[in-house]
Amino acid sequence: MAKIISITEAKKNLLRLSRRNQELGESFLIVRDSEPVSVLIPFEEYESLLETLNILEEEPDIKKKLKSAEREIARGKFTTWEPSADLKKKRA
């Protein structure tokens, strides 16, 4: 859950907030006159959101595919992925 802070507080403490964001993964919702104006989130979370949006744009029927996959999993129709022996050797 993002901590809500005023834009004035964000301005005064940007370096500290940025460090907490980067090191602890904290998020901050920045407000002006009680209205949200910005969000400070970890960069990895931002990248993940962009990737999700890209998938949704490129795969318009993704919801149907996910529902279908969930039904198959519920019926026990799935396989788990195991790295191949060659891949395991490369890591060693």
PDB file of N, CA and C in Angstrom:
ATOM      1  N   MET A   1       0.834  -1.176   0.000  1.00  0.00           N
ATOM      2  CA  MET A   1       0.000   0.000   0.000  1.00  0.00           C
ATOM      3  C   MET A   1       0.884   1.247   0.000  1.00  0.00           C
ATOM      4  N   ALA A   2       0.590   2.162  -0.875  1.00  0.00           N
ATOM      5  CA  ALA A   2       1.372   3.388  -0.980  1.00  0.00           C
ATOM      6  C   ALA A   2       1.076   4.318   0.195  1.00  0.00           C
ATOM      7  N   LYS A   3       2.118   4.952   0.683  1.00  0.00           N
ATOM      8  CA  LYS A   3       1.963   5.966   1.720  1.00  0.00           C
ATOM      9  C   LYS A   3       1.552   7.264   1.042  1.00  0.00           C
ATOM     10  N   ILE A   4       0.573   7.945   1.575  1.00  0.00           N
ATOM     11  CA  ILE A   4       0.088   9.207   1.012  1.00  0.00           C
ATOM     12  C   ILE A   4       0.879  10.360   1.620  1.00  0.00           C
ATOM     13  N   ILE A   5       1.443  11.195   0.735  1.00  0.00           N
ATOM     14  CA  ILE A   5       2.202  12.358   1.198  1.00  0.00           C
ATOM     15  C   ILE A   5       1.816  13.574   0.361  1.00  0.00           C
ATOM     16  N   SER A   6       1.984  14.737   0.948  1.00  0.00           N
ATOM     17  CA  SER A   6       1.681  15.973   0.219  1.00  0.00           C
ATOM     18  C   SER A   6       2.795  16.260  -0.786  1.00  0.00           C
ATOM     19  N   ILE A   7       2.462  17.036  -1.789  1.00  0.00           N
ATOM     20  CA  ILE A   7       3.464  17.410  -2.786  1.00  0.00           C
ATOM     21  C   ILE A   7       4.565  18.252  -2.145  1.00  0.00           C
ATOM     22  N   THR A   8       4.227  19.039  -1.132  1.00  0.00           N
ATOM     23  CA  THR A   8       5.222  19.840  -0.417  1.00  0.00           C
ATOM     24  C   THR A   8       6.208  18.931   0.301  1.00  0.00           C
ATOM     25  N   GLU A   9       5.694  17.891   0.980  1.00  0.00           N
ATOM     26  CA  GLU A   9       6.564  16.943   1.669  1.00  0.00           C
ATOM     27  C   GLU A   9       7.439  16.196   0.658  1.00  0.00           C
ATOM     28  N   ALA A  10       6.862  15.811  -0.472  1.00  0.00           N
ATOM     29  CA  ALA A  10       7.624  15.106  -1.511  1.00  0.00           C
ATOM     30  C   ALA A  10       8.766  15.986  -2.022  1.00  0.00           C
ATOM     31  N   LYS A  11       8.468  17.255  -2.227  1.00  0.00           N
ATOM     32  CA  LYS A  11       9.488  18.189  -2.727  1.00  0.00           C
ATOM     33  C   LYS A  11      10.636  18.326  -1.722  1.00  0.00           C
ATOM     34  N   LYS A  12      10.304  18.444  -0.445  1.00  0.00           N
ATOM     35  CA  LYS A  12      11.325  18.614   0.585  1.00  0.00           C
ATOM     36  C   LYS A  12      12.171  17.359   0.776  1.00  0.00           C
ATOM     37  N   ASN A  13      11.572  16.183   0.546  1.00  0.00           N
ATOM     38  CA  ASN A  13      12.220  14.927   0.903  1.00  0.00           C
ATOM     39  C   ASN A  13      12.436  13.984  -0.276  1.00  0.00           C
ATOM     40  N   LEU A  14      12.570  14.522  -1.472  1.00  0.00           N
ATOM     41  CA  LEU A  14      12.648  13.672  -2.657  1.00  0.00           C
ATOM     42  C   LEU A  14      13.800  12.663  -2.582  1.00  0.00           C
ATOM     43  N   LEU A  15      14.968  13.070  -2.155  1.00  0.00           N
ATOM     44  CA  LEU A  15      16.101  12.156  -2.074  1.00  0.00           C
ATOM     45  C   LEU A  15      15.813  11.026  -1.083  1.00  0.00           C
ATOM     46  N   ARG A  16      15.302  11.361   0.079  1.00  0.00           N
ATOM     47  CA  ARG A  16      14.980  10.349   1.106  1.00  0.00           C
ATOM     48  C   ARG A  16      13.900   9.404   0.592  1.00  0.00           C
ATOM     49  N   LEU A  17      12.861   9.954  -0.027  1.00  0.00           N
ATOM     50  CA  LEU A  17      11.779   9.122  -0.564  1.00  0.00           C
ATOM     51  C   LEU A  17      12.291   8.212  -1.675  1.00  0.00           C
ATOM     52  N   SER A  18      13.165   8.747  -2.516  1.00  0.00           N
ATOM     53  CA  SER A  18      13.734   7.959  -3.598  1.00  0.00           C
ATOM     54  C   SER A  18      14.564   6.797  -3.051  1.00  0.00           C
ATOM     55  N   ARG A  19      15.315   7.038  -2.010  1.00  0.00           N
ATOM     56  CA  ARG A  19      16.114   5.968  -1.400  1.00  0.00           C
ATOM     57  C   ARG A  19      15.215   4.896  -0.794  1.00  0.00           C
ATOM     58  N   ARG A  20      14.181   5.333  -0.078  1.00  0.00           N
ATOM     59  CA  ARG A  20      13.245   4.364   0.512  1.00  0.00           C
ATOM     60  C   ARG A  20      12.544   3.571  -0.589  1.00  0.00           C
ATOM     61  N   ASN A  21      12.224   4.259  -1.670  1.00  0.00           N
ATOM     62  CA  ASN A  21      11.580   3.616  -2.814  1.00  0.00           C
ATOM     63  C   ASN A  21      12.498   2.561  -3.408  1.00  0.00           C
ATOM     64  N   GLN A  22      13.735   2.903  -3.611  1.00  0.00           N
ATOM     65  CA  GLN A  22      14.701   2.001  -4.248  1.00  0.00           C
ATOM     66  C   GLN A  22      15.131   0.880  -3.307  1.00  0.00           C
ATOM     67  N   GLU A  23      15.475   1.202  -2.084  1.00  0.00           N
ATOM     68  CA  GLU A  23      16.049   0.216  -1.171  1.00  0.00           C
ATOM     69  C   GLU A  23      15.003  -0.653  -0.480  1.00  0.00           C
ATOM     70  N   LEU A  24      13.851  -0.077  -0.165  1.00  0.00           N
ATOM     71  CA  LEU A  24      12.836  -0.812   0.588  1.00  0.00           C
ATOM     72  C   LEU A  24      11.612  -1.174  -0.239  1.00  0.00           C
ATOM     73  N   GLY A  25      11.556  -0.655  -1.473  1.00  0.00           N
ATOM     74  CA  GLY A  25      10.410  -0.949  -2.328  1.00  0.00           C
ATOM     75  C   GLY A  25       9.140  -0.215  -1.939  1.00  0.00           C
ATOM     76  N   GLU A  26       9.278   0.849  -1.168  1.00  0.00           N
ATOM     77  CA  GLU A  26       8.099   1.609  -0.741  1.00  0.00           C
ATOM     78  C   GLU A  26       7.548   2.449  -1.893  1.00  0.00           C
ATOM     79  N   SER A  27       6.232   2.621  -1.886  1.00  0.00           N
ATOM     80  CA  SER A  27       5.556   3.451  -2.883  1.00  0.00           C
ATOM     81  C   SER A  27       4.901   4.633  -2.186  1.00  0.00           C
ATOM     82  N   PHE A  28       4.781   5.737  -2.929  1.00  0.00           N
ATOM     83  CA  PHE A  28       4.212   6.954  -2.355  1.00  0.00           C
ATOM     84  C   PHE A  28       3.197   7.558  -3.324  1.00  0.00           C
ATOM     85  N   LEU A  29       2.031   7.869  -2.806  1.00  0.00           N
ATOM     86  CA  LEU A  29       0.999   8.582  -3.555  1.00  0.00           C
ATOM     87  C   LEU A  29       1.121  10.048  -3.163  1.00  0.00           C
ATOM     88  N   ILE A  30       1.393  10.891  -4.137  1.00  0.00           N
ATOM     89  CA  ILE A  30       1.616  12.315  -3.876  1.00  0.00           C
ATOM     90  C   ILE A  30       0.331  13.073  -4.187  1.00  0.00           C
ATOM     91  N   VAL A  31      -0.105  13.883  -3.214  1.00  0.00           N
ATOM     92  CA  VAL A  31      -1.369  14.615  -3.361  1.00  0.00           C
ATOM     93  C   VAL A  31      -1.161  16.115  -3.238  1.00  0.00           C
ATOM     94  N   ARG A  32      -2.030  16.857  -3.899  1.00  0.00           N
ATOM     95  CA  ARG A  32      -2.084  18.311  -3.772  1.00  0.00           C
ATOM     96  C   ARG A  32      -3.534  18.652  -3.467  1.00  0.00           C
ATOM     97  N   ASP A  33      -3.775  19.329  -2.378  1.00  0.00           N
ATOM     98  CA  ASP A  33      -5.135  19.666  -1.946  1.00  0.00           C
ATOM     99  C   ASP A  33      -6.007  18.408  -1.896  1.00  0.00           C
ATOM    100  N   SER A  34      -5.445  17.346  -1.336  1.00  0.00           N
ATOM    101  CA  SER A  34      -6.119  16.049  -1.155  1.00  0.00           C
ATOM    102  C   SER A  34      -6.449  15.320  -2.453  1.00  0.00           C
ATOM    103  N   GLU A  35      -5.930  15.803  -3.582  1.00  0.00           N
ATOM    104  CA  GLU A  35      -6.159  15.153  -4.880  1.00  0.00           C
ATOM    105  C   GLU A  35      -4.872  14.489  -5.353  1.00  0.00           C
ATOM    106  N   PRO A  36      -4.940  13.222  -5.771  1.00  0.00           N
ATOM    107  CA  PRO A  36      -3.745  12.550  -6.269  1.00  0.00           C
ATOM    108  C   PRO A  36      -3.183  13.255  -7.501  1.00  0.00           C
ATOM    109  N   VAL A  37      -1.857  13.459  -7.506  1.00  0.00           N
ATOM    110  CA  VAL A  37      -1.213  14.090  -8.667  1.00  0.00           C
ATOM    111  C   VAL A  37      -0.086  13.247  -9.247  1.00  0.00           C
ATOM    112  N   SER A  38       0.478  12.343  -8.425  1.00  0.00           N
ATOM    113  CA  SER A  38       1.606  11.550  -8.908  1.00  0.00           C
ATOM    114  C   SER A  38       1.819  10.352  -7.998  1.00  0.00           C
ATOM    115  N   VAL A  39       2.619   9.411  -8.509  1.00  0.00           N
ATOM    116  CA  VAL A  39       2.961   8.228  -7.721  1.00  0.00           C
ATOM    117  C   VAL A  39       4.451   7.958  -7.891  1.00  0.00           C
ATOM    118  N   LEU A  40       5.113   7.639  -6.808  1.00  0.00           N
ATOM    119  CA  LEU A  40       6.506   7.232  -6.832  1.00  0.00           C
ATOM    120  C   LEU A  40       6.526   5.744  -6.507  1.00  0.00           C
ATOM    121  N   ILE A  41       6.878   4.928  -7.510  1.00  0.00           N
ATOM    122  CA  ILE A  41       6.911   3.476  -7.322  1.00  0.00           C
ATOM    123  C   ILE A  41       8.283   2.944  -7.706  1.00  0.00           C
ATOM    124  N   PRO A  42       8.649   1.756  -7.196  1.00  0.00           N
ATOM    125  CA  PRO A  42       9.936   1.177  -7.590  1.00  0.00           C
ATOM    126  C   PRO A  42       9.989   0.965  -9.107  1.00  0.00           C
ATOM    127  N   PHE A  43      11.175   1.152  -9.687  1.00  0.00           N
ATOM    128  CA  PHE A  43      11.327   1.054 -11.130  1.00  0.00           C
ATOM    129  C   PHE A  43      10.911  -0.311 -11.658  1.00  0.00           C
ATOM    130  N   GLU A  44      11.219  -1.375 -10.916  1.00  0.00           N
ATOM    131  CA  GLU A  44      10.847  -2.726 -11.339  1.00  0.00           C
ATOM    132  C   GLU A  44       9.333  -2.864 -11.458  1.00  0.00           C
ATOM    133  N   GLU A  45       8.614  -2.242 -10.540  1.00  0.00           N
ATOM    134  CA  GLU A  45       7.147  -2.277 -10.580  1.00  0.00           C
ATOM    135  C   GLU A  45       6.632  -1.515 -11.807  1.00  0.00           C
ATOM    136  N   TYR A  46       7.247  -0.391 -12.093  1.00  0.00           N
ATOM    137  CA  TYR A  46       6.897   0.399 -13.273  1.00  0.00           C
ATOM    138  C   TYR A  46       7.097  -0.426 -14.543  1.00  0.00           C
ATOM    139  N   GLU A  47       8.273  -1.081 -14.645  1.00  0.00           N
ATOM    140  CA  GLU A  47       8.541  -1.918 -15.812  1.00  0.00           C
ATOM    141  C   GLU A  47       7.520  -3.045 -15.939  1.00  0.00           C
ATOM    142  N   SER A  48       7.160  -3.638 -14.820  1.00  0.00           N
ATOM    143  CA  SER A  48       6.176  -4.724 -14.821  1.00  0.00           C
ATOM    144  C   SER A  48       4.816  -4.231 -15.308  1.00  0.00           C
ATOM    145  N   LEU A  49       4.436  -3.049 -14.867  1.00  0.00           N
ATOM    146  CA  LEU A  49       3.162  -2.475 -15.323  1.00  0.00           C
ATOM    147  C   LEU A  49       3.173  -2.219 -16.826  1.00  0.00           C
ATOM    148  N   LEU A  50       4.284  -1.683 -17.327  1.00  0.00           N
ATOM    149  CA  LEU A  50       4.397  -1.441 -18.772  1.00  0.00           C
ATOM    150  C   LEU A  50       4.326  -2.749 -19.555  1.00  0.00           C
ATOM    151  N   GLU A  51       5.000  -3.768 -19.054  1.00  0.00           N
ATOM    152  CA  GLU A  51       4.984  -5.065 -19.725  1.00  0.00           C
ATOM    153  C   GLU A  51       3.567  -5.638 -19.754  1.00  0.00           C
ATOM    154  N   THR A  52       2.859  -5.515 -18.650  1.00  0.00           N
ATOM    155  CA  THR A  52       1.478  -5.998 -18.590  1.00  0.00           C
ATOM    156  C   THR A  52       0.595  -5.248 -19.581  1.00  0.00           C
ATOM    157  N   LEU A  53       0.759  -3.934 -19.644  1.00  0.00           N
ATOM    158  CA  LEU A  53      -0.026  -3.147 -20.597  1.00  0.00           C
ATOM    159  C   LEU A  53       0.279  -3.549 -22.032  1.00  0.00           C
ATOM    160  N   ASN A  54       1.556  -3.785 -22.339  1.00  0.00           N
ATOM    161  CA  ASN A  54       1.936  -4.220 -23.685  1.00  0.00           C
ATOM    162  C   ASN A  54       1.297  -5.555 -24.036  1.00  0.00           C
ATOM    163  N   ILE A  55       1.304  -6.476 -23.101  1.00  0.00           N
ATOM    164  CA  ILE A  55       0.681  -7.784 -23.342  1.00  0.00           C
ATOM    165  C   ILE A  55      -0.802  -7.612 -23.601  1.00  0.00           C
ATOM    166  N   LEU A  56      -1.455  -6.794 -22.816  1.00  0.00           N
ATOM    167  CA  LEU A  56      -2.898  -6.582 -22.993  1.00  0.00           C
ATOM    168  C   LEU A  56      -3.210  -5.937 -24.345  1.00  0.00           C
ATOM    169  N   GLU A  57      -2.323  -5.039 -24.792  1.00  0.00           N
ATOM    170  CA  GLU A  57      -2.522  -4.396 -26.093  1.00  0.00           C
ATOM    171  C   GLU A  57      -2.270  -5.365 -27.245  1.00  0.00           C
ATOM    172  N   GLU A  58      -1.239  -6.198 -27.107  1.00  0.00           N
ATOM    173  CA  GLU A  58      -0.862  -7.108 -28.187  1.00  0.00           C
ATOM    174  C   GLU A  58      -1.734  -8.358 -28.239  1.00  0.00           C
ATOM    175  N   GLU A  59      -2.329  -8.730 -27.131  1.00  0.00           N
ATOM    176  CA  GLU A  59      -3.154  -9.933 -27.046  1.00  0.00           C
ATOM    177  C   GLU A  59      -4.564  -9.541 -26.600  1.00  0.00           C
ATOM    178  N   PRO A  60      -5.391  -9.068 -27.528  1.00  0.00           N
ATOM    179  CA  PRO A  60      -6.716  -8.597 -27.130  1.00  0.00           C
ATOM    180  C   PRO A  60      -7.589  -9.682 -26.488  1.00  0.00           C
ATOM    181  N   ASP A  61      -7.339 -10.960 -26.806  1.00  0.00           N
ATOM    182  CA  ASP A  61      -8.144 -12.029 -26.225  1.00  0.00           C
ATOM    183  C   ASP A  61      -7.418 -12.725 -25.065  1.00  0.00           C
ATOM    184  N   ILE A  62      -6.503 -12.025 -24.412  1.00  0.00           N
ATOM    185  CA  ILE A  62      -5.710 -12.612 -23.330  1.00  0.00           C
ATOM    186  C   ILE A  62      -6.596 -13.086 -22.183  1.00  0.00           C
ATOM    187  N   LYS A  63      -7.675 -12.362 -21.892  1.00  0.00           N
ATOM    188  CA  LYS A  63      -8.557 -12.764 -20.793  1.00  0.00           C
ATOM    189  C   LYS A  63      -9.165 -14.135 -21.072  1.00  0.00           C
ATOM    190  N   LYS A  64      -9.591 -14.366 -22.306  1.00  0.00           N
ATOM    191  CA  LYS A  64     -10.151 -15.668 -22.677  1.00  0.00           C
ATOM    192  C   LYS A  64      -9.099 -16.755 -22.530  1.00  0.00           C
ATOM    193  N   LYS A  65      -7.876 -16.479 -22.971  1.00  0.00           N
ATOM    194  CA  LYS A  65      -6.794 -17.460 -22.871  1.00  0.00           C
ATOM    195  C   LYS A  65      -6.476 -17.784 -21.410  1.00  0.00           C
ATOM    196  N   LEU A  66      -6.458 -16.764 -20.572  1.00  0.00           N
ATOM    197  CA  LEU A  66      -6.172 -16.989 -19.158  1.00  0.00           C
ATOM    198  C   LEU A  66      -7.285 -17.805 -18.496  1.00  0.00           C
ATOM    199  N   LYS A  67      -8.533 -17.481 -18.799  1.00  0.00           N
ATOM    200  CA  LYS A  67      -9.674 -18.237 -18.245  1.00  0.00           C
ATOM    201  C   LYS A  67      -9.588 -19.694 -18.679  1.00  0.00           C
ATOM    202  N   SER A  68      -9.260 -19.911 -19.955  1.00  0.00           N
ATOM    203  CA  SER A  68      -9.130 -21.266 -20.480  1.00  0.00           C
ATOM    204  C   SER A  68      -8.012 -22.016 -19.752  1.00  0.00           C
ATOM    205  N   ALA A  69      -6.886 -21.353 -19.552  1.00  0.00           N
ATOM    206  CA  ALA A  69      -5.760 -21.972 -18.845  1.00  0.00           C
ATOM    207  C   ALA A  69      -6.139 -22.294 -17.402  1.00  0.00           C
ATOM    208  N   GLU A  70      -6.879 -21.406 -16.744  1.00  0.00           N
ATOM    209  CA  GLU A  70      -7.318 -21.655 -15.367  1.00  0.00           C
ATOM    210  C   GLU A  70      -8.227 -22.875 -15.294  1.00  0.00           C
ATOM    211  N   ARG A  71      -9.112 -23.036 -16.280  1.00  0.00           N
ATOM    212  CA  ARG A  71     -10.004 -24.200 -16.308  1.00  0.00           C
ATOM    213  C   ARG A  71      -9.194 -25.484 -16.493  1.00  0.00           C
ATOM    214  N   GLU A  72      -8.207 -25.433 -17.374  1.00  0.00           N
ATOM    215  CA  GLU A  72      -7.370 -26.610 -17.600  1.00  0.00           C
ATOM    216  C   GLU A  72      -6.584 -26.979 -16.355  1.00  0.00           C
ATOM    217  N   ILE A  73      -6.059 -25.987 -15.676  1.00  0.00           N
ATOM    218  CA  ILE A  73      -5.315 -26.239 -14.434  1.00  0.00           C
ATOM    219  C   ILE A  73      -6.235 -26.857 -13.396  1.00  0.00           C
ATOM    220  N   ALA A  74      -7.445 -26.322 -13.266  1.00  0.00           N
ATOM    221  CA  ALA A  74      -8.410 -26.858 -12.303  1.00  0.00           C
ATOM    222  C   ALA A  74      -8.739 -28.325 -12.607  1.00  0.00           C
ATOM    223  N   ARG A  75      -8.711 -28.703 -13.884  1.00  0.00           N
ATOM    224  CA  ARG A  75      -8.976 -30.094 -14.287  1.00  0.00           C
ATOM    225  C   ARG A  75      -7.725 -30.956 -14.218  1.00  0.00           C
ATOM    226  N   GLY A  76      -6.624 -30.353 -13.816  1.00  0.00           N
ATOM    227  CA  GLY A  76      -5.384 -31.112 -13.704  1.00  0.00           C
ATOM    228  C   GLY A  76      -4.645 -31.285 -15.010  1.00  0.00           C
ATOM    229  N   LYS A  77      -5.022 -30.524 -16.012  1.00  0.00           N
ATOM    230  CA  LYS A  77      -4.375 -30.627 -17.322  1.00  0.00           C
ATOM    231  C   LYS A  77      -3.292 -29.556 -17.442  1.00  0.00           C
ATOM    232  N   PHE A  78      -2.127 -29.873 -16.898  1.00  0.00           N
ATOM    233  CA  PHE A  78      -1.008 -28.953 -17.006  1.00  0.00           C
ATOM    234  C   PHE A  78       0.283 -29.732 -16.836  1.00  0.00           C
ATOM    235  N   THR A  79       1.364 -29.150 -17.241  1.00  0.00           N
ATOM    236  CA  THR A  79       2.681 -29.728 -17.011  1.00  0.00           C
ATOM    237  C   THR A  79       3.550 -28.674 -16.364  1.00  0.00           C
ATOM    238  N   THR A  80       4.448 -29.112 -15.533  1.00  0.00           N
ATOM    239  CA  THR A  80       5.379 -28.175 -14.914  1.00  0.00           C
ATOM    240  C   THR A  80       6.646 -28.141 -15.749  1.00  0.00           C
ATOM    241  N   TRP A  81       7.297 -27.014 -15.740  1.00  0.00           N
ATOM    242  CA  TRP A  81       8.512 -26.846 -16.524  1.00  0.00           C
ATOM    243  C   TRP A  81       9.715 -27.128 -15.645  1.00  0.00           C
ATOM    244  N   GLU A  82      10.608 -27.933 -16.155  1.00  0.00           N
ATOM    245  CA  GLU A  82      11.869 -28.213 -15.484  1.00  0.00           C
ATOM    246  C   GLU A  82      12.987 -27.832 -16.439  1.00  0.00           C
ATOM    247  N   PRO A  83      13.999 -27.115 -15.945  1.00  0.00           N
ATOM    248  CA  PRO A  83      15.123 -26.779 -16.836  1.00  0.00           C
ATOM    249  C   PRO A  83      15.757 -28.061 -17.369  1.00  0.00           C
ATOM    250  N   SER A  84      16.160 -28.028 -18.602  1.00  0.00           N
ATOM    251  CA  SER A  84      16.794 -29.193 -19.200  1.00  0.00           C
ATOM    252  C   SER A  84      18.148 -29.450 -18.538  1.00  0.00           C
ATOM    253  N   ALA A  85      18.649 -30.648 -18.696  1.00  0.00           N
ATOM    254  CA  ALA A  85      19.944 -31.013 -18.117  1.00  0.00           C
ATOM    255  C   ALA A  85      21.045 -30.105 -18.650  1.00  0.00           C
ATOM    256  N   ASP A  86      20.971 -29.746 -19.941  1.00  0.00           N
ATOM    257  CA  ASP A  86      21.983 -28.871 -20.528  1.00  0.00           C
ATOM    258  C   ASP A  86      21.986 -27.508 -19.860  1.00  0.00           C
ATOM    259  N   LEU A  87      20.791 -26.979 -19.584  1.00  0.00           N
ATOM    260  CA  LEU A  87      20.689 -25.677 -18.933  1.00  0.00           C
ATOM    261  C   LEU A  87      21.245 -25.750 -17.519  1.00  0.00           C
ATOM    262  N   LYS A  88      20.962 -26.833 -16.819  1.00  0.00           N
ATOM    263  CA  LYS A  88      21.483 -26.988 -15.449  1.00  0.00           C
ATOM    264  C   LYS A  88      23.004 -27.035 -15.458  1.00  0.00           C
ATOM    265  N   LYS A  89      23.597 -27.701 -16.456  1.00  0.00           N
ATOM    266  CA  LYS A  89      25.056 -27.789 -16.548  1.00  0.00           C
ATOM    267  C   LYS A  89      25.673 -26.418 -16.788  1.00  0.00           C
ATOM    268  N   LYS A  90      25.016 -25.602 -17.630  1.00  0.00           N
ATOM    269  CA  LYS A  90      25.539 -24.265 -17.939  1.00  0.00           C
ATOM    270  C   LYS A  90      25.583 -23.401 -16.691  1.00  0.00           C
ATOM    271  N   ARG A  91      24.590 -23.560 -15.813  1.00  0.00           N
ATOM    272  CA  ARG A  91      24.526 -22.748 -14.591  1.00  0.00           C
ATOM    273  C   ARG A  91      25.616 -23.140 -13.610  1.00  0.00           C
ATOM    274  N   ALA A  92      26.008 -24.395 -13.613  1.00  0.00           N
ATOM    275  CA  ALA A  92      26.988 -24.902 -12.642  1.00  0.00           C
ATOM    276  C   ALA A  92      28.374 -24.366 -12.882  1.00  0.00           C
TER     277      ALA A  92
END
